[in-house]
């Protein structure tokens, strides 16, 4: 990912987390995932990310940047991002949140087990 975009994200994400709290942040991540995903596949693919990149202000990223973003977040190697892959990637891109991520991840798992989001 382009360093300028990553830097802006690193600055914004912790502010968003503090403002929204754990539940709110997870909800916003889920909303972001739905905005970027391929509706037929239920995953973020390179094509869906490219098509919707402008929604996140990522229109200046190259195809290689977008492919690298998918590759970096693809935990199961299927070539796309599941909702969990996406959430984990967002936390990894924000070093300031790494300390808080265990708590927020536990909240996300709790919500998923309850059938939320």
Protein backbone atom coordinates (compact mmCIF):
# COMPACT_ATOMS: atom_id res chain seq x y z
CA UNK A 1 0.00 0.00 0.00
CA UNK A 2 1.16 3.51 -0.67
CA UNK A 3 2.90 4.99 2.34
CA UNK A 4 0.93 8.26 2.15
CA UNK A 5 -2.38 6.39 2.33
CA UNK A 6 -1.14 4.13 5.10
CA UNK A 7 0.09 7.14 7.08
CA UNK A 8 -3.30 8.89 6.78
CA UNK A 9 -5.04 5.69 7.81
CA UNK A 10 -2.74 5.21 10.80
CA UNK A 11 -3.59 8.73 11.96
CA UNK A 12 -7.35 8.39 11.44
CA UNK A 13 -8.08 4.85 12.64
CA UNK A 14 -7.12 5.32 16.33
CA UNK A 15 -9.20 8.51 16.48
CA UNK A 16 -12.14 6.65 15.02
CA UNK A 17 -11.67 3.79 17.50
CA UNK A 18 -11.57 6.13 20.49
CA UNK A 19 -14.61 8.05 19.31
CA UNK A 20 -16.78 5.04 18.45
CA UNK A 21 -15.72 2.55 21.11
CA UNK A 22 -15.35 -1.16 20.47
CA UNK A 23 -18.88 -1.95 19.30
CA UNK A 24 -19.07 1.15 17.11
CA UNK A 25 -15.68 0.50 15.53
CA UNK A 26 -16.55 -3.10 14.71
CA UNK A 27 -19.85 -1.92 13.23
CA UNK A 28 -18.04 0.62 11.06
CA UNK A 29 -15.52 -2.00 9.92
CA UNK A 30 -18.41 -4.27 8.96
CA UNK A 31 -20.02 -1.40 7.05
CA UNK A 32 -16.71 -0.74 5.29
CA UNK A 33 -16.43 -4.39 4.38
CA UNK A 34 -19.93 -4.40 2.88
CA UNK A 35 -19.11 -1.28 0.83
CA UNK A 36 -16.04 -2.94 -0.68
CA UNK A 37 -17.21 -6.52 -1.11
CA UNK A 38 -18.40 -8.25 -4.23
CA UNK A 39 -22.10 -8.74 -3.45
CA UNK A 40 -22.28 -12.07 -5.29
CA UNK A 41 -19.24 -13.58 -3.57
CA UNK A 42 -19.56 -11.93 -0.15
CA UNK A 43 -15.81 -11.21 -0.25
CA UNK A 44 -13.56 -8.30 -1.14
CA UNK A 45 -11.86 -9.21 -4.40
CA UNK A 46 -9.32 -7.20 -6.35
CA UNK A 47 -12.09 -6.22 -8.79
CA UNK A 48 -14.52 -5.12 -6.08
CA UNK A 49 -11.78 -3.19 -4.28
CA UNK A 50 -10.77 -1.44 -7.51
CA UNK A 51 -14.39 -0.64 -8.36
CA UNK A 52 -15.11 0.81 -4.90
CA UNK A 53 -11.69 2.25 -3.95
CA UNK A 54 -12.87 5.84 -4.38
CA UNK A 55 -15.41 5.32 -1.57
CA UNK A 56 -12.44 5.16 0.83
CA UNK A 57 -10.41 7.83 -0.93
CA UNK A 58 -8.10 5.20 -2.42
CA UNK A 59 -8.66 6.15 -6.07
CA UNK A 60 -4.99 7.12 -6.45
CA UNK A 61 -3.70 3.64 -5.61
CA UNK A 62 -2.33 1.61 -8.48
CA UNK A 63 -3.58 -1.84 -9.42
CA UNK A 64 -0.41 -3.26 -7.86
CA UNK A 65 -1.14 -1.40 -4.60
CA UNK A 66 -4.67 -2.80 -4.53
CA UNK A 67 -3.47 -6.34 -5.33
CA UNK A 68 -0.88 -6.05 -2.55
CA UNK A 69 -3.57 -4.89 -0.15
CA UNK A 70 -5.67 -7.98 -0.92
CA UNK A 71 -2.61 -10.26 -0.71
CA UNK A 72 -1.48 -8.75 2.59
CA UNK A 73 -4.86 -9.28 4.21
CA UNK A 74 -5.67 -12.68 2.70
CA UNK A 75 -5.19 -14.94 5.71
CA UNK A 76 -6.59 -18.13 4.17
CA UNK A 77 -4.96 -17.80 0.74
CA UNK A 78 -8.17 -17.77 -1.31
CA UNK A 79 -7.21 -14.58 -3.16
CA UNK A 80 -9.91 -12.46 -1.52
CA UNK A 81 -10.70 -10.87 1.84
CA UNK A 82 -13.36 -12.31 4.11
CA UNK A 83 -14.88 -10.02 6.70
CA UNK A 84 -12.45 -11.35 9.33
CA UNK A 85 -9.47 -10.94 6.95
CA UNK A 86 -10.54 -7.32 6.36
CA UNK A 87 -10.91 -6.50 10.06
CA UNK A 88 -7.55 -8.06 10.94
CA UNK A 89 -5.89 -6.11 8.09
CA UNK A 90 -7.36 -2.83 9.33
CA UNK A 91 -5.93 -3.44 12.81
CA UNK A 92 -2.54 -4.47 11.41
CA UNK A 93 -2.36 -1.24 9.40
CA UNK A 94 -2.75 0.80 12.59
CA UNK A 95 0.17 0.09 14.95
CA UNK A 96 -1.30 2.38 17.64
CA UNK A 97 -4.28 0.08 17.95
CA UNK A 98 -2.33 -3.16 18.30
CA UNK A 99 -2.46 -2.93 22.08
CA UNK A 100 -6.24 -2.40 22.02
CA UNK A 101 -6.87 -4.93 19.25
CA UNK A 102 -7.18 -7.98 21.51
CA UNK A 103 -10.06 -6.37 23.41
CA UNK A 104 -11.78 -5.20 20.22
CA UNK A 105 -11.26 -8.56 18.52
CA UNK A 106 -12.84 -10.30 21.49
CA UNK A 107 -15.83 -7.96 21.16
CA UNK A 108 -16.10 -8.75 17.44
CA UNK A 109 -16.00 -12.48 18.08
CA UNK A 110 -18.59 -12.11 20.81
CA UNK A 111 -20.89 -10.22 18.40
CA UNK A 112 -20.35 -12.84 15.71
CA UNK A 113 -21.21 -15.64 18.10
CA UNK A 114 -24.38 -13.76 19.08
CA UNK A 115 -25.26 -13.44 15.40
CA UNK A 116 -24.80 -9.67 15.30
CA UNK A 117 -23.42 -7.60 12.44
